[in-house]
């Protein structure tokens, strides 16, 4: 039997989050873990942007090889540019 690694795949919206623990073969990639999790099929309208992926807040690519206990994070687009948010807070403050 091939060795397995257990990883988490997560995606969050403002009102809900999805967290799936999956076991994948040793040497599996981020793309394979996302596919195994089924999150894309479960979350209506979710399109995985390869530029918006991370493991514990560190940017990774779809072909990044996973290690035991990794947490694959699927990020959604920003709703407000951080610079604009700072400007608004400074203006209000």
PDB file of N, CA and C in Angstrom:
ATOM      1  N   UNK A   1       0.844  -1.187   0.000  1.00  0.00           N
ATOM      2  CA  UNK A   1       0.000   0.000   0.000  1.00  0.00           C
ATOM      3  C   UNK A   1       0.890   1.251   0.000  1.00  0.00           C
ATOM      4  N   UNK A   2       0.537   2.210  -0.828  1.00  0.00           N
ATOM      5  CA  UNK A   2       1.314   3.445  -0.929  1.00  0.00           C
ATOM      6  C   UNK A   2       1.114   4.289   0.326  1.00  0.00           C
ATOM      7  N   UNK A   3       2.163   5.010   0.689  1.00  0.00           N
ATOM      8  CA  UNK A   3       2.066   5.909   1.835  1.00  0.00           C
ATOM      9  C   UNK A   3       1.123   7.055   1.527  1.00  0.00           C
ATOM     10  N   UNK A   4       0.444   7.536   2.548  1.00  0.00           N
ATOM     11  CA  UNK A   4      -0.519   8.624   2.421  1.00  0.00           C
ATOM     12  C   UNK A   4      -0.083   9.794   3.304  1.00  0.00           C
ATOM     13  N   UNK A   5      -0.496  10.994   2.915  1.00  0.00           N
ATOM     14  CA  UNK A   5      -0.356  12.172   3.768  1.00  0.00           C
ATOM     15  C   UNK A   5      -1.753  12.743   3.966  1.00  0.00           C
ATOM     16  N   UNK A   6      -1.996  13.257   5.143  1.00  0.00           N
ATOM     17  CA  UNK A   6      -3.285  13.877   5.442  1.00  0.00           C
ATOM     18  C   UNK A   6      -3.092  15.381   5.433  1.00  0.00           C
ATOM     19  N   UNK A   7      -3.942  16.060   4.658  1.00  0.00           N
ATOM     20  CA  UNK A   7      -3.884  17.509   4.533  1.00  0.00           C
ATOM     21  C   UNK A   7      -5.299  18.075   4.672  1.00  0.00           C
ATOM     22  N   UNK A   8      -5.378  19.376   4.918  1.00  0.00           N
ATOM     23  CA  UNK A   8      -6.660  20.069   4.947  1.00  0.00           C
ATOM     24  C   UNK A   8      -6.736  20.972   3.728  1.00  0.00           C
ATOM     25  N   UNK A   9      -7.933  21.108   3.180  1.00  0.00           N
ATOM     26  CA  UNK A   9      -8.195  22.050   2.103  1.00  0.00           C
ATOM     27  C   UNK A   9      -9.295  22.971   2.605  1.00  0.00           C
ATOM     28  N   UNK A  10      -9.060  24.293   2.559  1.00  0.00           N
ATOM     29  CA  UNK A  10     -10.026  25.244   3.104  1.00  0.00           C
ATOM     30  C   UNK A  10     -10.346  26.355   2.114  1.00  0.00           C
ATOM     31  N   UNK A  11     -11.589  26.825   2.213  1.00  0.00           N
ATOM     32  CA  UNK A  11     -12.050  27.995   1.471  1.00  0.00           C
ATOM     33  C   UNK A  11     -13.058  28.691   2.358  1.00  0.00           C
ATOM     34  N   UNK A  12     -13.039  30.018   2.365  1.00  0.00           N
ATOM     35  CA  UNK A  12     -13.965  30.760   3.226  1.00  0.00           C
ATOM     36  C   UNK A  12     -14.588  31.925   2.474  1.00  0.00           C
ATOM     37  N   UNK A  13     -15.842  32.147   2.774  1.00  0.00           N
ATOM     38  CA  UNK A  13     -16.564  33.333   2.345  1.00  0.00           C
ATOM     39  C   UNK A  13     -16.885  34.104   3.616  1.00  0.00           C
ATOM     40  N   UNK A  14     -17.357  35.343   3.512  1.00  0.00           N
ATOM     41  CA  UNK A  14     -17.647  36.101   4.733  1.00  0.00           C
ATOM     42  C   UNK A  14     -18.616  35.388   5.697  1.00  0.00           C
ATOM     43  N   UNK A  15     -19.554  34.626   5.153  1.00  0.00           N
ATOM     44  CA  UNK A  15     -20.563  34.021   6.026  1.00  0.00           C
ATOM     45  C   UNK A  15     -20.417  32.511   6.214  1.00  0.00           C
ATOM     46  N   UNK A  16     -19.473  31.887   5.541  1.00  0.00           N
ATOM     47  CA  UNK A  16     -19.366  30.434   5.635  1.00  0.00           C
ATOM     48  C   UNK A  16     -17.953  29.988   5.289  1.00  0.00           C
ATOM     49  N   UNK A  17     -17.550  28.841   5.837  1.00  0.00           N
ATOM     50  CA  UNK A  17     -16.245  28.278   5.478  1.00  0.00           C
ATOM     51  C   UNK A  17     -16.398  26.790   5.208  1.00  0.00           C
ATOM     52  N   UNK A  18     -15.503  26.284   4.374  1.00  0.00           N
ATOM     53  CA  UNK A  18     -15.450  24.871   4.057  1.00  0.00           C
ATOM     54  C   UNK A  18     -14.067  24.371   4.432  1.00  0.00           C
ATOM     55  N   UNK A  19     -14.002  23.284   5.169  1.00  0.00           N
ATOM     56  CA  UNK A  19     -12.742  22.665   5.563  1.00  0.00           C
ATOM     57  C   UNK A  19     -12.891  21.172   5.342  1.00  0.00           C
ATOM     58  N   UNK A  20     -12.022  20.631   4.529  1.00  0.00           N
ATOM     59  CA  UNK A  20     -12.058  19.196   4.244  1.00  0.00           C
ATOM     60  C   UNK A  20     -10.696  18.597   4.538  1.00  0.00           C
ATOM     61  N   UNK A  21     -10.688  17.524   5.307  1.00  0.00           N
ATOM     62  CA  UNK A  21      -9.471  16.754   5.556  1.00  0.00           C
ATOM     63  C   UNK A  21      -9.457  15.617   4.548  1.00  0.00           C
ATOM     64  N   UNK A  22      -8.354  15.502   3.834  1.00  0.00           N
ATOM     65  CA  UNK A  22      -8.234  14.438   2.840  1.00  0.00           C
ATOM     66  C   UNK A  22      -6.905  13.730   2.989  1.00  0.00           C
ATOM     67  N   UNK A  23      -6.906  12.463   2.655  1.00  0.00           N
ATOM     68  CA  UNK A  23      -5.670  11.683   2.591  1.00  0.00           C
ATOM     69  C   UNK A  23      -5.352  11.471   1.121  1.00  0.00           C
ATOM     70  N   UNK A  24      -4.148  11.823   0.745  1.00  0.00           N
ATOM     71  CA  UNK A  24      -3.703  11.688  -0.644  1.00  0.00           C
ATOM     72  C   UNK A  24      -2.372  10.940  -0.647  1.00  0.00           C
ATOM     73  N   UNK A  25      -2.030  10.317  -1.768  1.00  0.00           N
ATOM     74  CA  UNK A  25      -0.753   9.597  -1.825  1.00  0.00           C
ATOM     75  C   UNK A  25       0.435  10.534  -1.607  1.00  0.00           C
ATOM     76  N   UNK A  26       1.462  10.013  -0.972  1.00  0.00           N
ATOM     77  CA  UNK A  26       2.703  10.750  -0.777  1.00  0.00           C
ATOM     78  C   UNK A  26       3.196  11.247  -2.134  1.00  0.00           C
ATOM     79  N   UNK A  27       3.572  12.517  -2.203  1.00  0.00           N
ATOM     80  CA  UNK A  27       4.019  13.103  -3.467  1.00  0.00           C
ATOM     81  C   UNK A  27       2.912  13.818  -4.228  1.00  0.00           C
ATOM     82  N   UNK A  28       1.701  13.875  -3.647  1.00  0.00           N
ATOM     83  CA  UNK A  28       0.585  14.562  -4.309  1.00  0.00           C
ATOM     84  C   UNK A  28       0.792  16.067  -4.288  1.00  0.00           C
ATOM     85  N   UNK A  29       0.121  16.735  -5.220  1.00  0.00           N
ATOM     86  CA  UNK A  29       0.253  18.182  -5.371  1.00  0.00           C
ATOM     87  C   UNK A  29      -0.967  18.904  -4.794  1.00  0.00           C
ATOM     88  N   UNK A  30      -0.850  20.220  -4.726  1.00  0.00           N
ATOM     89  CA  UNK A  30      -1.960  21.067  -4.280  1.00  0.00           C
ATOM     90  C   UNK A  30      -3.186  20.814  -5.157  1.00  0.00           C
ATOM     91  N   UNK A  31      -2.996  20.752  -6.468  1.00  0.00           N
ATOM     92  CA  UNK A  31      -4.110  20.519  -7.397  1.00  0.00           C
ATOM     93  C   UNK A  31      -4.815  19.200  -7.096  1.00  0.00           C
ATOM     94  N   UNK A  32      -4.061  18.159  -6.811  1.00  0.00           N
ATOM     95  CA  UNK A  32      -4.648  16.854  -6.524  1.00  0.00           C
ATOM     96  C   UNK A  32      -5.420  16.872  -5.213  1.00  0.00           C
ATOM     97  N   UNK A  33      -4.932  17.591  -4.215  1.00  0.00           N
ATOM     98  CA  UNK A  33      -5.640  17.683  -2.933  1.00  0.00           C
ATOM     99  C   UNK A  33      -6.944  18.452  -3.089  1.00  0.00           C
ATOM    100  N   UNK A  34      -6.917  19.544  -3.873  1.00  0.00           N
ATOM    101  CA  UNK A  34      -8.143  20.314  -4.099  1.00  0.00           C
ATOM    102  C   UNK A  34      -9.174  19.435  -4.788  1.00  0.00           C
ATOM    103  N   UNK A  35      -8.740  18.682  -5.792  1.00  0.00           N
ATOM    104  CA  UNK A  35      -9.648  17.783  -6.500  1.00  0.00           C
ATOM    105  C   UNK A  35     -10.215  16.723  -5.553  1.00  0.00           C
ATOM    106  N   UNK A  36      -9.368  16.132  -4.735  1.00  0.00           N
ATOM    107  CA  UNK A  36      -9.812  15.092  -3.802  1.00  0.00           C
ATOM    108  C   UNK A  36     -10.785  15.623  -2.760  1.00  0.00           C
ATOM    109  N   UNK A  37     -10.664  16.904  -2.419  1.00  0.00           N
ATOM    110  CA  UNK A  37     -11.527  17.480  -1.379  1.00  0.00           C
ATOM    111  C   UNK A  37     -12.967  17.659  -1.834  1.00  0.00           C
ATOM    112  N   UNK A  38     -13.176  17.858  -3.137  1.00  0.00           N
ATOM    113  CA  UNK A  38     -14.530  18.069  -3.649  1.00  0.00           C
ATOM    114  C   UNK A  38     -15.089  19.462  -3.397  1.00  0.00           C
ATOM    115  N   UNK A  39     -14.277  20.374  -2.866  1.00  0.00           N
ATOM    116  CA  UNK A  39     -14.751  21.718  -2.544  1.00  0.00           C
ATOM    117  C   UNK A  39     -15.232  22.462  -3.791  1.00  0.00           C
ATOM    118  N   UNK A  40     -14.542  22.309  -4.904  1.00  0.00           N
ATOM    119  CA  UNK A  40     -14.916  23.034  -6.123  1.00  0.00           C
ATOM    120  C   UNK A  40     -16.329  22.651  -6.561  1.00  0.00           C
ATOM    121  N   UNK A  41     -16.681  21.385  -6.433  1.00  0.00           N
ATOM    122  CA  UNK A  41     -18.016  20.945  -6.816  1.00  0.00           C
ATOM    123  C   UNK A  41     -19.065  21.405  -5.797  1.00  0.00           C
ATOM    124  N   UNK A  42     -18.671  21.520  -4.545  1.00  0.00           N
ATOM    125  CA  UNK A  42     -19.611  21.869  -3.475  1.00  0.00           C
ATOM    126  C   UNK A  42     -19.918  23.366  -3.408  1.00  0.00           C
ATOM    127  N   UNK A  43     -18.933  24.203  -3.700  1.00  0.00           N
ATOM    128  CA  UNK A  43     -19.107  25.653  -3.584  1.00  0.00           C
ATOM    129  C   UNK A  43     -19.529  26.205  -4.941  1.00  0.00           C
ATOM    130  N   UNK A  44     -20.750  26.652  -5.015  1.00  0.00           N
ATOM    131  CA  UNK A  44     -21.295  27.181  -6.262  1.00  0.00           C
ATOM    132  C   UNK A  44     -20.476  28.378  -6.756  1.00  0.00           C
ATOM    133  N   UNK A  45     -20.036  28.304  -8.000  1.00  0.00           N
ATOM    134  CA  UNK A  45     -19.316  29.415  -8.604  1.00  0.00           C
ATOM    135  C   UNK A  45     -17.840  29.517  -8.256  1.00  0.00           C
ATOM    136  N   UNK A  46     -17.310  28.590  -7.470  1.00  0.00           N
ATOM    137  CA  UNK A  46     -15.898  28.656  -7.090  1.00  0.00           C
ATOM    138  C   UNK A  46     -15.011  28.278  -8.275  1.00  0.00           C
ATOM    139  N   UNK A  47     -14.126  29.184  -8.628  1.00  0.00           N
ATOM    140  CA  UNK A  47     -13.112  28.923  -9.645  1.00  0.00           C
ATOM    141  C   UNK A  47     -11.770  29.111  -8.952  1.00  0.00           C
ATOM    142  N   UNK A  48     -10.958  28.075  -8.953  1.00  0.00           N
ATOM    143  CA  UNK A  48      -9.655  28.140  -8.289  1.00  0.00           C
ATOM    144  C   UNK A  48      -8.691  28.915  -9.172  1.00  0.00           C
ATOM    145  N   UNK A  49      -8.224  30.039  -8.661  1.00  0.00           N
ATOM    146  CA  UNK A  49      -7.233  30.864  -9.354  1.00  0.00           C
ATOM    147  C   UNK A  49      -5.855  30.410  -8.877  1.00  0.00           C
ATOM    148  N   UNK A  50      -5.018  29.894  -9.777  1.00  0.00           N
ATOM    149  CA  UNK A  50      -3.693  29.417  -9.359  1.00  0.00           C
ATOM    150  C   UNK A  50      -2.843  30.474  -8.660  1.00  0.00           C
ATOM    151  N   UNK A  51      -3.156  31.740  -8.857  1.00  0.00           N
ATOM    152  CA  UNK A  51      -2.402  32.815  -8.202  1.00  0.00           C
ATOM    153  C   UNK A  51      -2.919  33.100  -6.795  1.00  0.00           C
ATOM    154  N   UNK A  52      -3.989  32.439  -6.386  1.00  0.00           N
ATOM    155  CA  UNK A  52      -4.594  32.689  -5.073  1.00  0.00           C
ATOM    156  C   UNK A  52      -4.657  31.407  -4.234  1.00  0.00           C
ATOM    157  N   UNK A  53      -3.493  30.794  -4.075  1.00  0.00           N
ATOM    158  CA  UNK A  53      -3.386  29.572  -3.281  1.00  0.00           C
ATOM    159  C   UNK A  53      -2.258  29.727  -2.279  1.00  0.00           C
ATOM    160  N   UNK A  54      -2.417  29.100  -1.124  1.00  0.00           N
ATOM    161  CA  UNK A  54      -1.358  29.147  -0.131  1.00  0.00           C
ATOM    162  C   UNK A  54      -1.382  27.932   0.771  1.00  0.00           C
ATOM    163  N   UNK A  55      -0.290  27.759   1.485  1.00  0.00           N
ATOM    164  CA  UNK A  55      -0.205  26.765   2.557  1.00  0.00           C
ATOM    165  C   UNK A  55       0.246  27.533   3.781  1.00  0.00           C
ATOM    166  N   UNK A  56      -0.605  27.587   4.777  1.00  0.00           N
ATOM    167  CA  UNK A  56      -0.350  28.372   5.988  1.00  0.00           C
ATOM    168  C   UNK A  56       0.076  29.802   5.624  1.00  0.00           C
ATOM    169  N   UNK A  57      -0.679  30.450   4.751  1.00  0.00           N
ATOM    170  CA  UNK A  57      -0.494  31.850   4.316  1.00  0.00           C
ATOM    171  C   UNK A  57       0.734  32.090   3.441  1.00  0.00           C
ATOM    172  N   UNK A  58       1.407  31.051   3.025  1.00  0.00           N
ATOM    173  CA  UNK A  58       2.550  31.208   2.114  1.00  0.00           C
ATOM    174  C   UNK A  58       2.115  30.784   0.717  1.00  0.00           C
ATOM    175  N   UNK A  59       2.318  31.670  -0.245  1.00  0.00           N
ATOM    176  CA  UNK A  59       1.886  31.431  -1.610  1.00  0.00           C
ATOM    177  C   UNK A  59       2.533  30.169  -2.181  1.00  0.00           C
ATOM    178  N   UNK A  60       1.705  29.355  -2.868  1.00  0.00           N
ATOM    179  CA  UNK A  60       2.190  28.142  -3.531  1.00  0.00           C
ATOM    180  C   UNK A  60       1.538  28.027  -4.907  1.00  0.00           C
ATOM    181  N   UNK A  61       2.066  27.125  -5.710  1.00  0.00           N
ATOM    182  CA  UNK A  61       1.506  26.858  -7.029  1.00  0.00           C
ATOM    183  C   UNK A  61       0.720  25.549  -6.999  1.00  0.00           C
ATOM    184  N   UNK A  62      -0.037  25.302  -8.062  1.00  0.00           N
ATOM    185  CA  UNK A  62      -0.825  24.070  -8.143  1.00  0.00           C
ATOM    186  C   UNK A  62       0.045  22.818  -8.124  1.00  0.00           C
ATOM    187  N   UNK A  63       1.299  22.922  -8.580  1.00  0.00           N
ATOM    188  CA  UNK A  63       2.164  21.738  -8.638  1.00  0.00           C
ATOM    189  C   UNK A  63       3.057  21.570  -7.407  1.00  0.00           C
ATOM    190  N   UNK A  64       2.821  22.376  -6.366  1.00  0.00           N
ATOM    191  CA  UNK A  64       3.582  22.254  -5.124  1.00  0.00           C
ATOM    192  C   UNK A  64       3.274  20.892  -4.478  1.00  0.00           C
ATOM    193  N   UNK A  65       4.322  20.171  -4.102  1.00  0.00           N
ATOM    194  CA  UNK A  65       4.159  18.850  -3.477  1.00  0.00           C
ATOM    195  C   UNK A  65       3.857  19.035  -1.991  1.00  0.00           C
ATOM    196  N   UNK A  66       2.835  18.332  -1.531  1.00  0.00           N
ATOM    197  CA  UNK A  66       2.345  18.479  -0.159  1.00  0.00           C
ATOM    198  C   UNK A  66       3.114  17.634   0.842  1.00  0.00           C
ATOM    199  N   UNK A  67       3.124  18.119   2.070  1.00  0.00           N
ATOM    200  CA  UNK A  67       3.687  17.371   3.180  1.00  0.00           C
ATOM    201  C   UNK A  67       2.594  17.059   4.193  1.00  0.00           C
ATOM    202  N   UNK A  68       2.881  16.159   5.091  1.00  0.00           N
ATOM    203  CA  UNK A  68       1.930  15.768   6.132  1.00  0.00           C
ATOM    204  C   UNK A  68       1.477  16.995   6.920  1.00  0.00           C
ATOM    205  N   UNK A  69       0.156  17.147   7.078  1.00  0.00           N
ATOM    206  CA  UNK A  69      -0.399  18.214   7.898  1.00  0.00           C
ATOM    207  C   UNK A  69      -0.515  19.572   7.220  1.00  0.00           C
ATOM    208  N   UNK A  70      -0.160  19.672   5.937  1.00  0.00           N
ATOM    209  CA  UNK A  70      -0.292  20.956   5.234  1.00  0.00           C
ATOM    210  C   UNK A  70      -1.756  21.399   5.202  1.00  0.00           C
ATOM    211  N   UNK A  71      -1.951  22.700   5.167  1.00  0.00           N
ATOM    212  CA  UNK A  71      -3.293  23.284   5.087  1.00  0.00           C
ATOM    213  C   UNK A  71      -3.347  24.100   3.798  1.00  0.00           C
ATOM    214  N   UNK A  72      -3.992  23.554   2.777  1.00  0.00           N
ATOM    215  CA  UNK A  72      -4.123  24.222   1.486  1.00  0.00           C
ATOM    216  C   UNK A  72      -5.248  25.243   1.594  1.00  0.00           C
ATOM    217  N   UNK A  73      -4.911  26.503   1.337  1.00  0.00           N
ATOM    218  CA  UNK A  73      -5.881  27.595   1.453  1.00  0.00           C
ATOM    219  C   UNK A  73      -6.197  28.145   0.064  1.00  0.00           C
ATOM    220  N   UNK A  74      -7.479  28.177  -0.261  1.00  0.00           N
ATOM    221  CA  UNK A  74      -7.942  28.755  -1.520  1.00  0.00           C
ATOM    222  C   UNK A  74      -8.452  30.149  -1.184  1.00  0.00           C
ATOM    223  N   UNK A  75      -7.785  31.165  -1.732  1.00  0.00           N
ATOM    224  CA  UNK A  75      -8.141  32.544  -1.404  1.00  0.00           C
ATOM    225  C   UNK A  75      -9.124  33.095  -2.427  1.00  0.00           C
ATOM    226  N   UNK A  76     -10.009  33.960  -1.952  1.00  0.00           N
ATOM    227  CA  UNK A  76     -10.932  34.644  -2.869  1.00  0.00           C
ATOM    228  C   UNK A  76     -10.362  36.017  -3.183  1.00  0.00           C
ATOM    229  N   UNK A  77     -10.836  36.633  -4.258  1.00  0.00           N
ATOM    230  CA  UNK A  77     -10.329  37.966  -4.608  1.00  0.00           C
ATOM    231  C   UNK A  77     -10.627  38.984  -3.515  1.00  0.00           C
ATOM    232  N   UNK A  78      -9.774  39.982  -3.389  1.00  0.00           N
ATOM    233  CA  UNK A  78     -10.010  41.057  -2.428  1.00  0.00           C
ATOM    234  C   UNK A  78     -11.229  41.854  -2.853  1.00  0.00           C
ATOM    235  N   UNK A  79     -12.019  42.285  -1.883  1.00  0.00           N
ATOM    236  CA  UNK A  79     -13.185  43.108  -2.201  1.00  0.00           C
ATOM    237  C   UNK A  79     -12.825  44.583  -2.187  1.00  0.00           C
ATOM    238  N   UNK A  80     -11.701  44.920  -1.552  1.00  0.00           N
ATOM    239  CA  UNK A  80     -11.259  46.302  -1.481  1.00  0.00           C
ATOM    240  C   UNK A  80      -9.736  46.326  -1.468  1.00  0.00           C
ATOM    241  N   UNK A  81      -9.164  47.187  -2.283  1.00  0.00           N
ATOM    242  CA  UNK A  81      -7.720  47.338  -2.328  1.00  0.00           C
ATOM    243  C   UNK A  81      -7.208  47.795  -0.957  1.00  0.00           C
ATOM    244  N   UNK A  82      -6.179  47.156  -0.409  1.00  0.00           N
ATOM    245  CA  UNK A  82      -5.674  47.535   0.919  1.00  0.00           C
ATOM    246  C   UNK A  82      -5.269  49.004   1.030  1.00  0.00           C
ATOM    247  N   UNK A  83      -4.712  49.573  -0.030  1.00  0.00           N
ATOM    248  CA  UNK A  83      -4.337  50.993   0.012  1.00  0.00           C
ATOM    249  C   UNK A  83      -5.573  51.874   0.135  1.00  0.00           C
ATOM    250  N   UNK A  84      -6.615  51.511  -0.586  1.00  0.00           N
ATOM    251  CA  UNK A  84      -7.861  52.282  -0.506  1.00  0.00           C
ATOM    252  C   UNK A  84      -8.478  52.155   0.888  1.00  0.00           C
ATOM    253  N   UNK A  85      -8.415  50.977   1.468  1.00  0.00           N
ATOM    254  CA  UNK A  85      -8.954  50.781   2.817  1.00  0.00           C
ATOM    255  C   UNK A  85      -8.217  51.672   3.817  1.00  0.00           C
ATOM    256  N   UNK A  86      -6.890  51.772   3.713  1.00  0.00           N
ATOM    257  CA  UNK A  86      -6.117  52.642   4.607  1.00  0.00           C
ATOM    258  C   UNK A  86      -6.502  54.111   4.412  1.00  0.00           C
ATOM    259  N   UNK A  87      -6.669  54.503   3.151  1.00  0.00           N
ATOM    260  CA  UNK A  87      -7.084  55.894   2.879  1.00  0.00           C
ATOM    261  C   UNK A  87      -8.420  56.209   3.545  1.00  0.00           C
ATOM    262  N   UNK A  88      -9.356  55.283   3.417  1.00  0.00           N
ATOM    263  CA  UNK A  88     -10.675  55.490   4.032  1.00  0.00           C
ATOM    264  C   UNK A  88     -10.589  55.596   5.548  1.00  0.00           C
ATOM    265  N   UNK A  89      -9.796  54.723   6.147  1.00  0.00           N
ATOM    266  CA  UNK A  89      -9.661  54.769   7.611  1.00  0.00           C
ATOM    267  C   UNK A  89      -8.995  56.059   8.046  1.00  0.00           C
ATOM    268  N   UNK A  90      -7.992  56.519   7.321  1.00  0.00           N
ATOM    269  CA  UNK A  90      -7.298  57.769   7.659  1.00  0.00           C
ATOM    270  C   UNK A  90      -8.254  58.956   7.505  1.00  0.00           C
ATOM    271  N   UNK A  91      -9.070  58.926   6.503  1.00  0.00           N
ATOM    272  CA  UNK A  91     -10.023  60.022   6.274  1.00  0.00           C
ATOM    273  C   UNK A  91     -11.085  60.060   7.374  1.00  0.00           C
ATOM    274  N   UNK A  92     -11.521  58.884   7.828  1.00  0.00           N
ATOM    275  CA  UNK A  92     -12.556  58.803   8.873  1.00  0.00           C
ATOM    276  C   UNK A  92     -11.984  59.141  10.245  1.00  0.00           C
ATOM    277  N   UNK A  93     -10.708  58.855  10.444  1.00  0.00           N
ATOM    278  CA  UNK A  93     -10.098  58.892  11.756  1.00  0.00           C
ATOM    279  C   UNK A  93      -9.737  60.222  12.271  1.00  0.00           C
TER     280      UNK A  93
END
